[in-house]
Protein backbone atom coordinates (compact mmCIF):
# COMPACT_ATOMS: atom_id res chain seq x y z
CA MET A 1 0.02 0.11 -0.09
CA SER A 2 1.46 3.14 -1.01
CA LYS A 3 2.04 6.26 1.50
CA THR A 4 -0.45 8.19 -0.15
CA THR A 5 -3.54 5.57 -0.42
CA MET A 6 -2.60 4.49 3.38
CA LYS A 7 -3.09 8.81 4.29
CA ALA A 8 -6.42 8.92 2.12
CA GLU A 9 -7.30 5.67 3.96
CA LEU A 10 -6.65 7.53 7.76
CA VAL A 11 -8.29 10.50 6.81
CA ARG A 12 -11.43 8.62 5.98
CA VAL A 13 -11.44 6.60 8.87
CA ASN A 14 -10.53 9.76 11.33
CA THR A 15 -13.49 11.78 9.36
CA THR A 16 -16.21 11.18 11.90
CA SER A 17 -18.59 13.91 10.99
CA THR A 18 -21.96 14.55 9.55
CA GLY A 19 -22.54 18.03 9.66
CA LEU A 20 -24.08 19.21 13.06
CA VAL A 21 -22.30 16.04 14.97
CA HIS A 22 -18.70 15.84 15.30
CA VAL A 23 -17.29 12.82 17.14
CA PRO A 24 -13.59 12.40 17.61
CA ALA A 25 -12.07 9.38 15.64
CA GLY A 26 -12.13 6.14 17.55
CA THR A 27 -14.95 7.14 20.03
CA ILE A 28 -17.46 5.18 18.32
CA GLU A 29 -15.43 2.24 17.74
CA ARG A 30 -13.76 1.60 21.53
CA ARG A 31 -17.65 1.34 22.66
CA ILE A 32 -18.26 -1.68 20.53
CA TYR A 33 -17.78 -4.87 22.01
CA PHE A 34 -18.05 -8.72 20.86
CA ILE A 35 -20.29 -10.37 23.08
CA ARG A 36 -22.84 -13.72 22.56
CA GLY A 37 -20.98 -13.55 18.83
CA HIS A 38 -22.26 -10.43 18.20
CA ARG A 39 -20.54 -6.70 17.81
CA VAL A 40 -22.75 -4.49 20.30
CA MET A 41 -22.93 -1.14 22.14
CA LEU A 42 -24.13 -0.67 25.88
CA ASP A 43 -27.43 1.53 26.31
CA SER A 44 -25.47 4.09 28.21
CA ASP A 45 -22.75 4.39 25.71
CA LEU A 46 -25.12 4.87 22.87
CA ALA A 47 -27.57 7.55 25.60
CA LYS A 48 -24.08 9.50 25.88
CA LEU A 49 -23.44 9.60 22.44
CA TYR A 50 -27.07 10.96 21.75
CA HIS A 51 -27.19 13.23 24.56
CA VAL A 52 -29.83 11.75 26.75
CA SER A 53 -30.12 9.81 29.81
CA THR A 54 -29.71 6.35 29.70
CA LYS A 55 -32.91 6.25 31.62
CA ALA A 56 -34.77 8.56 28.88
CA PHE A 57 -33.28 6.21 26.23
CA ASN A 58 -34.43 2.69 27.94
CA GLN A 59 -37.61 4.19 28.39
CA ALA A 60 -38.13 5.33 24.60
CA VAL A 61 -36.79 1.49 23.56
CA LYS A 62 -39.70 -0.19 25.96
CA ARG A 63 -42.20 1.81 24.64
CA ASN A 64 -41.21 0.28 21.09
CA LYS A 65 -40.02 -2.99 22.59
CA ASP A 66 -41.67 -4.58 19.20
CA ARG A 67 -39.22 -3.08 17.05
CA PHE A 68 -36.27 -4.82 19.06
CA PRO A 69 -36.15 -8.57 18.61
CA LYS A 70 -33.53 -10.64 20.59
CA ASP A 71 -31.24 -10.32 17.74
CA PHE A 72 -31.29 -6.49 17.59
CA MET A 73 -31.46 -5.96 21.78
CA PHE A 74 -30.55 -8.33 24.35
CA GLN A 75 -29.99 -7.51 28.46
CA LEU A 76 -26.68 -8.84 29.47
CA THR A 77 -26.47 -11.32 32.25
CA SER A 78 -25.01 -10.34 35.66
CA GLN A 79 -21.90 -12.44 34.69
CA GLU A 80 -21.37 -10.70 31.54
CA ALA A 81 -22.00 -7.43 32.87
CA LYS A 82 -19.50 -8.22 35.73
CA ALA A 83 -17.39 -9.07 33.02
CA LEU A 84 -17.58 -5.22 31.54
CA ARG A 85 -17.30 -3.91 34.70
CA SER A 86 -13.59 -5.48 35.54
CA GLN A 87 -12.30 -3.67 32.22
CA PRO A 88 -10.73 -0.29 33.17
CA VAL A 89 -12.68 1.80 30.94
CA THR A 90 -16.38 0.45 30.78
CA LEU A 91 -19.07 1.16 32.63
CA GLU A 92 -16.72 3.63 34.86
CA GLN A 93 -18.63 6.89 35.22
CA GLY A 94 -22.36 6.41 34.13
CA ARG A 95 -25.12 3.60 34.58
CA GLY A 96 -24.05 0.11 35.37
CA ARG A 97 -21.25 0.80 37.85
CA HIS A 98 -23.70 0.17 40.78
CA ALA A 99 -26.87 -0.42 38.49
CA LYS A 100 -29.64 -2.21 39.82
CA TYR A 101 -30.19 -4.15 36.28
CA ALA A 102 -28.06 -5.40 34.20
CA PRO A 103 -27.41 -3.29 30.97
CA HIS A 104 -29.12 -3.71 27.49
CA VAL A 105 -26.89 -3.88 24.35
CA PHE A 106 -28.16 -3.34 20.98
CA THR A 107 -26.53 -4.87 17.52
CA GLU A 108 -25.99 -3.11 14.55
CA HIS A 109 -29.51 -3.69 13.61
CA GLY A 110 -30.80 -2.55 16.73
CA ILE A 111 -28.85 0.71 16.33
CA ALA A 112 -30.51 1.02 12.79
CA MET A 113 -33.79 0.90 14.55
CA LEU A 114 -33.11 3.40 16.96
CA SER A 115 -33.18 6.14 14.32
CA SER A 116 -37.29 5.33 14.00
CA VAL A 117 -37.48 5.50 17.63
CA LEU A 118 -35.38 8.43 18.65
CA GLN A 119 -36.50 11.67 16.49
CA SER A 120 -33.91 13.88 16.98
CA LYS A 121 -31.72 15.32 14.23
CA ARG A 122 -28.56 13.96 16.48
CA ALA A 123 -29.88 10.85 16.88
CA VAL A 124 -30.20 10.16 12.99
CA GLN A 125 -26.52 11.69 12.92
CA MET A 126 -25.08 9.67 15.65
CA ASN A 127 -26.65 6.58 13.91
CA ILE A 128 -25.14 7.46 10.88
CA LEU A 129 -22.09 7.66 12.44
CA ILE A 130 -22.08 4.42 14.37
CA ILE A 131 -23.41 2.36 11.20
CA ARG A 132 -20.41 3.59 9.36
CA ALA A 133 -18.21 2.63 12.27
CA PHE A 134 -19.68 -0.89 12.42
CA ILE A 135 -18.77 -1.20 8.49
CA ARG A 136 -15.47 0.14 9.38
CA ILE A 137 -14.81 -2.88 12.07
CA ARG A 138 -16.03 -5.25 9.32
CA GLU A 139 -13.87 -4.33 6.42
CA ILE A 140 -10.49 -4.09 8.73
CA THR A 141 -11.69 -7.55 10.11
CA ALA A 142 -12.40 -9.08 6.39
CA HIS A 143 -9.04 -7.13 5.54
CA HIS A 144 -6.77 -8.60 8.12
CA LYS A 145 -8.57 -12.20 8.54
CA ASP A 146 -4.97 -13.55 6.95
CA LEU A 147 -3.10 -11.74 9.71
CA ALA A 148 -5.43 -13.12 12.39
CA ALA A 149 -5.19 -16.78 10.99
CA ARG A 150 -1.56 -16.07 11.34
CA VAL A 151 -1.98 -15.12 15.13
CA ASP A 152 -3.89 -18.23 15.62
CA LYS A 153 -1.31 -20.39 14.19
CA LEU A 154 1.37 -18.59 16.37
CA GLU A 155 -1.10 -19.39 19.38
CA ILE A 156 -1.27 -22.80 18.83
CA ALA A 157 2.80 -22.91 18.14
CA GLN A 158 2.96 -21.08 21.79
CA GLN A 159 1.00 -23.72 23.43
CA ARG A 160 2.40 -26.29 22.43
CA HIS A 161 6.08 -24.85 23.27
CA VAL A 162 4.85 -24.14 26.65
CA SER A 163 3.74 -27.62 27.46
CA VAL A 164 6.80 -29.01 25.96
CA ILE A 165 8.76 -26.64 28.34
CA GLN A 166 6.79 -27.43 31.28
CA MET A 167 7.30 -31.33 30.62
CA LEU A 168 10.86 -30.62 30.30
CA ALA A 169 10.88 -28.46 33.33
CA ASN A 170 9.05 -31.46 35.40
CA GLU A 171 11.74 -33.85 33.97
CA ILE A 172 14.71 -31.43 35.42
CA ASP A 173 13.21 -31.17 38.78
CA GLN A 174 12.63 -35.01 39.17
CA VAL A 175 16.39 -35.53 38.28
CA LYS A 176 17.46 -32.74 40.59
CA ASN A 177 15.47 -34.10 43.61
CA PRO A 178 15.16 -37.74 43.07
CA PRO A 179 11.96 -39.36 45.29
CA VAL A 180 13.86 -40.45 48.45
CA SER A 181 13.83 -43.98 49.62
CA THR A 182 12.91 -44.84 53.30
CA LYS A 183 14.86 -48.02 52.78
CA ARG A 184 18.45 -47.38 52.88
CA ARG A 185 20.55 -50.06 50.94
CA ARG A 186 24.02 -50.05 52.23
CA ILE A 187 26.96 -50.04 49.79
CA GLY A 188 30.14 -52.15 50.21
CA PHE A 189 30.52 -56.19 51.44
CA ARG A 190 28.55 -57.74 54.11
CA THR A 191 30.05 -60.38 56.22
CA GLU A 192 28.09 -62.75 57.53
CA ASN A 193 28.26 -63.61 61.39
CA ARG A 194 29.03 -67.39 62.07
CA ASP A 195 28.50 -68.07 65.64
């Protein structure tokens, strides 16, 4: 890839604006998680991006529940929410730190449906930016599948090497510290007492 092509691609990735809404590059991508085989965003993160409270956001979704089937939106289990809380950036300040309920997450299709539920100009423009972020992630993932396959192969080789090293370390420990026998055999000649 030439330098000019790379610069053009970086400019395209860093430009996250739809006119009224300006979001720093990478802000949306950092809020996309991979849970249960789906790329999703948390309700609290979406509410921040739309400039509404999480409570108002969830109420709007609840009023239109029939628009959000399980493959568009689902609620995290307590274990999933706890795993997200253990990540330093996630759920730090907003809802979810000491939440009564586990957060809801929205897939790309659920986020697209949000544009019909949230009618503000900002919500519509944020949806455009979020969908573009999902597309960029999908393109990057598809573009780097070869790299991912190589990383997988390296991880498998590393696991094999670790098991071989562990086995060798155990054998060295056995040689260094042989098992102690309770009966000691005397070395040398024995004479029998004949009386």
